[in-house]
Amino acid sequence: MRVFLILSVCTTLAACDSKQSATDGGPSPADANIADANIADADTLDGHITDVAASSCAFPPSILEGFVAQRTLYVSPTGNDSDDGLTSATAWATLAHAAALEPGDEVRVAPGIYSCPVLGPIAGTAAGPIHFVAAGAARSAVLDCGGTGSVLLTNLQYVALDGFEIRNAMSGHCINLFSGNGPPYANLSEHVLFINDYVHTCNLSAIKSSQSFEVEVRDSELANNITAGNPLIDFAGAHDMRIIGCDVHDGVSIGVQT
């Protein structure tokens, strides 16, 4: 089953001037295995969401709206983590350089296969988000978790992961975004954007986000998890979350859970 989603998860789950379709003719939200969701104030036609009152939920622009990099850093399969990352000739070998990043940085990741990083804390700002981007074609930079790891993201603010293929997390979630140990939680993960990504072949969820807010999954494909009971997208202890224009398919049981 393949479901195209344009959803916004506020306190409840709502859709803004959205449509939901599928290759098998368009399932209802229940048939699409969208669990624990409340589609608020929606008009429907043949089981499809067609419209929601504009006042119920409005999509803000993404954190990359108007973004202009203040500094460019480079990652390459032939790089060296002892270098400074400031030119393609002195590129890093991995993405795991959180302490070196500043608001407004763009980290350009050359085509190739990389291990899944542990990132955070990383503090971008509304005026200067931090943009990790595949430097070649979309999905040309692959984060392969090697069957044991995951992309572990802790205490991120105003950070975007753009154009990556993320795969092969056979012992956990492909992407696990959270805010550290607690409660109480401090330095919450917020305003994190996953855009143009392809996340697949995960034991648990493709994206798990907890103790976080203002997280957006946009124009991405999420597929193929293995362990029953785990949604492809799992928002837990989170609010003001958005899923926009995504292709969510071939989950073992649940597509989206909030």
Protein backbone atom coordinates (compact mmCIF):
# COMPACT_ATOMS: atom_id res chain seq x y z
CA MET A 1 0.00 0.00 0.00
CA ARG A 2 1.34 3.43 -0.97
CA VAL A 3 -0.04 6.59 0.64
CA PHE A 4 0.79 10.18 -0.24
CA LEU A 5 0.45 12.42 2.79
CA ILE A 6 -0.03 16.12 3.32
CA LEU A 7 -0.72 16.30 7.01
CA SER A 8 -0.06 18.53 9.97
CA VAL A 9 0.13 17.18 13.48
CA CYS A 10 -0.91 19.89 15.89
CA THR A 11 -2.53 18.87 19.17
CA THR A 12 -4.58 16.65 16.89
CA LEU A 13 -3.81 15.60 13.34
CA ALA A 14 -5.25 17.88 10.68
CA ALA A 15 -4.90 18.44 6.96
CA CYS A 16 -4.76 21.86 5.30
CA ASP A 17 -6.33 22.05 1.83
CA SER A 18 -4.95 18.57 1.28
CA LYS A 19 -5.62 15.41 -0.67
CA GLN A 20 -4.67 11.86 0.08
CA SER A 21 -4.30 9.30 -2.68
CA ALA A 22 -2.90 5.85 -3.24
CA THR A 23 -1.95 3.65 -6.14
CA ASP A 24 -4.74 1.25 -5.29
CA GLY A 25 -7.39 3.93 -5.81
CA GLY A 26 -7.16 5.89 -2.57
CA PRO A 27 -7.77 4.36 0.82
CA SER A 28 -9.53 6.09 3.62
CA PRO A 29 -7.33 7.26 6.52
CA ALA A 30 -8.22 4.10 8.41
CA ASP A 31 -7.35 1.88 5.45
CA ALA A 32 -4.05 3.73 5.14
CA ASN A 33 -3.21 2.65 8.69
CA ILE A 34 -2.89 6.19 10.00
CA ALA A 35 -3.22 5.40 13.67
CA ASP A 36 -4.18 7.44 16.72
CA ALA A 37 -5.08 10.42 14.55
CA ASN A 38 -7.99 12.82 14.59
CA ILE A 39 -8.69 14.43 11.22
CA ALA A 40 -10.37 17.61 12.35
CA ASP A 41 -13.08 19.53 10.51
CA ALA A 42 -12.42 17.83 7.17
CA ASP A 43 -14.72 17.51 4.17
CA THR A 44 -14.41 14.13 2.48
CA LEU A 45 -15.29 12.68 -0.90
CA ASP A 46 -15.17 8.92 -1.45
CA GLY A 47 -13.03 8.52 1.65
CA HIS A 48 -10.48 11.18 0.62
CA ILE A 49 -9.65 14.27 2.62
CA THR A 50 -10.40 17.21 0.34
CA ASP A 51 -10.44 20.32 2.48
CA VAL A 52 -10.10 21.67 5.98
CA ALA A 53 -11.13 25.08 7.18
CA ALA A 54 -8.14 27.34 6.72
CA SER A 55 -8.43 28.46 10.32
CA SER A 56 -7.90 24.92 11.64
CA CYS A 57 -4.22 24.70 10.68
CA ALA A 58 -1.91 26.67 8.44
CA PHE A 59 1.48 25.48 7.24
CA PRO A 60 4.30 27.91 7.98
CA PRO A 61 7.23 28.08 5.57
CA SER A 62 10.01 25.56 6.14
CA ILE A 63 13.07 26.59 8.11
CA LEU A 64 14.99 26.78 4.79
CA GLU A 65 12.72 29.47 3.35
CA GLY A 66 15.06 32.22 2.16
CA PHE A 67 18.13 30.40 3.44
CA VAL A 68 21.50 31.73 2.27
CA ALA A 69 24.54 29.89 3.58
CA GLN A 70 26.95 32.00 5.60
CA ARG A 71 29.65 29.36 5.47
CA THR A 72 30.06 26.16 3.45
CA LEU A 73 31.62 23.01 4.84
CA TYR A 74 32.39 19.82 2.96
CA VAL A 75 32.17 16.07 3.59
CA SER A 76 33.57 13.48 1.19
CA PRO A 77 34.23 9.72 1.21
CA THR A 78 37.89 10.63 0.57
CA GLY A 79 37.97 13.29 3.31
CA ASN A 80 39.77 13.35 6.63
CA ASP A 81 38.14 14.24 9.95
CA SER A 82 41.40 15.85 11.06
CA ASP A 83 41.03 18.51 8.35
CA ASP A 84 38.98 21.68 8.72
CA GLY A 85 36.15 20.89 6.26
CA LEU A 86 36.31 24.39 4.80
CA THR A 87 37.11 23.37 1.21
CA SER A 88 36.47 20.33 -0.94
CA ALA A 89 40.22 19.62 -0.72
CA THR A 90 40.08 19.64 3.10
CA ALA A 91 36.72 17.88 3.43
CA TRP A 92 35.74 15.86 6.47
CA ALA A 93 35.14 12.14 6.14
CA THR A 94 31.96 12.08 8.29
CA LEU A 95 29.07 14.30 9.32
CA ALA A 96 29.88 14.05 13.02
CA HIS A 97 31.29 17.53 13.64
CA ALA A 98 28.52 19.13 15.68
CA ALA A 99 30.88 21.17 17.85
CA ALA A 100 32.36 22.91 14.78
CA LEU A 101 29.02 24.10 13.38
CA GLU A 102 27.66 27.62 13.54
CA PRO A 103 24.29 29.16 12.64
CA GLY A 104 24.02 29.63 8.89
CA ASP A 105 26.36 26.75 8.00
CA GLU A 106 25.70 24.55 5.01
CA VAL A 107 27.34 21.11 5.11
CA ARG A 108 27.64 19.76 1.57
CA VAL A 109 27.98 15.98 1.51
CA ALA A 110 29.52 14.53 -1.64
CA PRO A 111 28.06 11.41 -3.28
CA GLY A 112 29.10 8.23 -1.55
CA ILE A 113 28.26 5.93 1.35
CA TYR A 114 28.78 7.05 4.95
CA SER A 115 28.14 5.49 8.33
CA CYS A 116 25.08 6.76 10.19
CA PRO A 117 26.16 9.64 12.43
CA VAL A 118 25.46 10.59 16.03
CA LEU A 119 24.74 14.32 15.93
CA GLY A 120 24.03 16.85 18.64
CA PRO A 121 23.68 19.14 20.27
CA ILE A 122 23.49 21.43 17.23
CA ALA A 123 22.12 24.96 17.62
CA GLY A 124 21.05 26.77 14.50
CA THR A 125 18.71 29.74 14.69
CA ALA A 126 15.61 30.95 12.88
CA ALA A 127 17.79 33.46 11.00
CA GLY A 128 20.58 30.94 10.47
CA PRO A 129 19.52 27.29 10.28
CA ILE A 130 22.14 24.60 9.70
CA HIS A 131 21.68 22.75 6.41
CA PHE A 132 23.08 19.27 5.78
CA VAL A 133 22.57 18.60 2.06
CA ALA A 134 23.51 15.94 -0.48
CA ALA A 135 25.84 17.78 -2.83
CA GLY A 136 25.04 15.65 -5.89
CA ALA A 137 21.69 14.42 -7.06
CA ALA A 138 19.09 13.64 -4.42
CA ARG A 139 19.87 10.35 -2.64
CA SER A 140 23.45 10.36 -3.93
CA ALA A 141 24.75 10.71 -0.37
CA VAL A 142 23.83 7.52 1.50
CA LEU A 143 23.85 7.12 5.26
CA ASP A 144 24.07 3.36 5.74
CA CYS A 145 23.58 2.25 9.33
CA GLY A 146 25.36 -1.02 8.70
CA GLY A 147 22.64 -3.15 10.23
CA THR A 148 23.40 -2.05 13.80
CA GLY A 149 23.27 1.75 14.21
CA SER A 150 20.90 4.61 13.46
CA VAL A 151 21.03 8.32 12.71
CA LEU A 152 20.90 9.44 16.33
CA LEU A 153 19.98 13.12 16.71
CA THR A 154 19.95 14.75 20.14
CA ASN A 155 19.13 18.36 21.05
CA LEU A 156 18.87 19.82 17.56
CA GLN A 157 17.49 23.29 16.89
CA TYR A 158 16.90 24.67 13.39
CA VAL A 159 18.63 21.85 11.52
CA ALA A 160 17.72 20.41 8.09
CA LEU A 161 18.73 17.07 6.53
CA ASP A 162 18.17 17.43 2.81
CA GLY A 163 18.38 14.85 0.01
CA PHE A 164 19.85 11.83 1.81
CA GLU A 165 19.18 8.15 1.48
CA ILE A 166 19.15 6.68 4.99
CA ARG A 167 18.94 2.92 5.29
CA ASN A 168 19.72 -0.39 6.94
CA ALA A 169 19.05 0.26 10.63
CA MET A 170 18.26 -3.34 11.46
CA SER A 171 18.52 -2.98 15.24
CA GLY A 172 16.44 0.17 15.77
CA HIS A 173 14.97 3.28 14.14
CA CYS A 174 16.59 4.63 10.99
CA ILE A 175 16.33 8.17 12.41
CA ASN A 176 15.90 8.74 16.14
CA LEU A 177 15.40 12.39 17.11
CA PHE A 178 14.99 13.20 20.78
CA SER A 179 16.08 15.55 23.56
CA GLY A 180 18.32 13.45 25.76
CA ASN A 181 17.64 11.68 29.02
CA GLY A 182 14.93 12.91 31.33
CA PRO A 183 12.50 14.06 32.53
CA PRO A 184 12.92 16.91 33.09
CA TYR A 185 14.02 17.66 29.53
CA ALA A 186 16.13 20.69 28.68
CA ASN A 187 17.36 22.04 25.36
CA LEU A 188 14.50 20.41 23.46
CA SER A 189 14.88 19.39 19.82
CA GLU A 190 12.85 21.84 17.73
CA HIS A 191 12.47 23.16 14.19
CA VAL A 192 14.06 20.14 12.55
CA LEU A 193 13.39 19.49 8.87
CA PHE A 194 13.73 16.25 6.91
CA ILE A 195 13.30 17.13 3.24
CA ASN A 196 13.81 15.19 -0.01
CA ASP A 197 15.02 12.18 1.97
CA TYR A 198 14.51 8.47 1.30
CA VAL A 199 14.44 6.49 4.55
CA HIS A 200 13.99 2.75 4.32
CA THR A 201 14.84 -0.74 5.54
CA CYS A 202 14.50 -0.08 9.26
CA ASN A 203 13.83 -2.54 12.04
CA LEU A 204 11.55 -0.14 13.95
CA SER A 205 10.48 3.27 12.57
CA ALA A 206 11.88 5.20 9.65
CA ILE A 207 11.63 8.36 11.76
CA LYS A 208 11.02 8.40 15.51
CA SER A 209 10.74 11.85 17.08
CA SER A 210 10.15 12.30 20.80
CA GLN A 211 10.44 15.13 23.34
CA SER A 212 10.46 17.54 20.41
CA PHE A 213 8.36 20.11 18.61
CA GLU A 214 8.11 21.82 15.22
CA VAL A 215 9.53 18.83 13.35
CA GLU A 216 8.68 18.61 9.66
CA VAL A 217 8.97 15.74 7.19
CA ARG A 218 8.54 17.15 3.68
CA ASP A 219 8.70 15.70 0.17
CA SER A 220 10.31 12.50 1.43
CA GLU A 221 9.82 8.77 0.92
CA LEU A 222 9.61 6.42 3.90
CA ALA A 223 9.30 2.69 3.44
CA ASN A 224 9.98 -0.84 4.55
CA ASN A 225 10.16 -1.35 8.26
CA ILE A 226 10.19 -4.83 9.75
CA THR A 227 8.93 -5.16 13.34
CA ALA A 228 5.15 -5.18 13.74
CA GLY A 229 3.62 -2.44 15.86
CA ASN A 230 6.13 0.21 14.80
CA PRO A 231 4.87 3.00 12.53
CA LEU A 232 7.02 4.28 9.70
CA ILE A 233 6.69 7.77 11.23
CA ASP A 234 6.30 7.89 15.01
CA PHE A 235 5.76 11.18 16.85
CA ALA A 236 5.79 10.50 20.61
CA GLY A 237 5.68 13.19 23.27
CA ALA A 238 5.85 15.74 20.47
CA HIS A 239 3.72 18.61 19.19
CA ASP A 240 3.34 20.91 16.17
CA MET A 241 4.66 18.25 13.82
CA ARG A 242 4.12 18.28 10.05
CA ILE A 243 4.17 15.68 7.28
CA ILE A 244 3.86 17.34 3.88
CA GLY A 245 3.92 15.75 0.44
CA CYS A 246 5.44 12.46 1.60
CA ASP A 247 5.27 8.98 0.08
CA VAL A 248 4.79 6.51 2.95
CA HIS A 249 4.52 2.89 1.84
CA ASP A 250 5.19 -0.76 2.57
CA GLY A 251 5.18 -0.42 6.33
CA VAL A 252 4.76 -3.62 8.25
CA SER A 253 1.67 -2.32 10.07
CA ILE A 254 1.23 1.42 10.76
CA GLY A 255 2.01 4.35 8.48
CA VAL A 256 1.90 7.31 10.87
CA GLN A 257 1.36 7.43 14.62
CA THR A 258 1.04 10.48 16.85
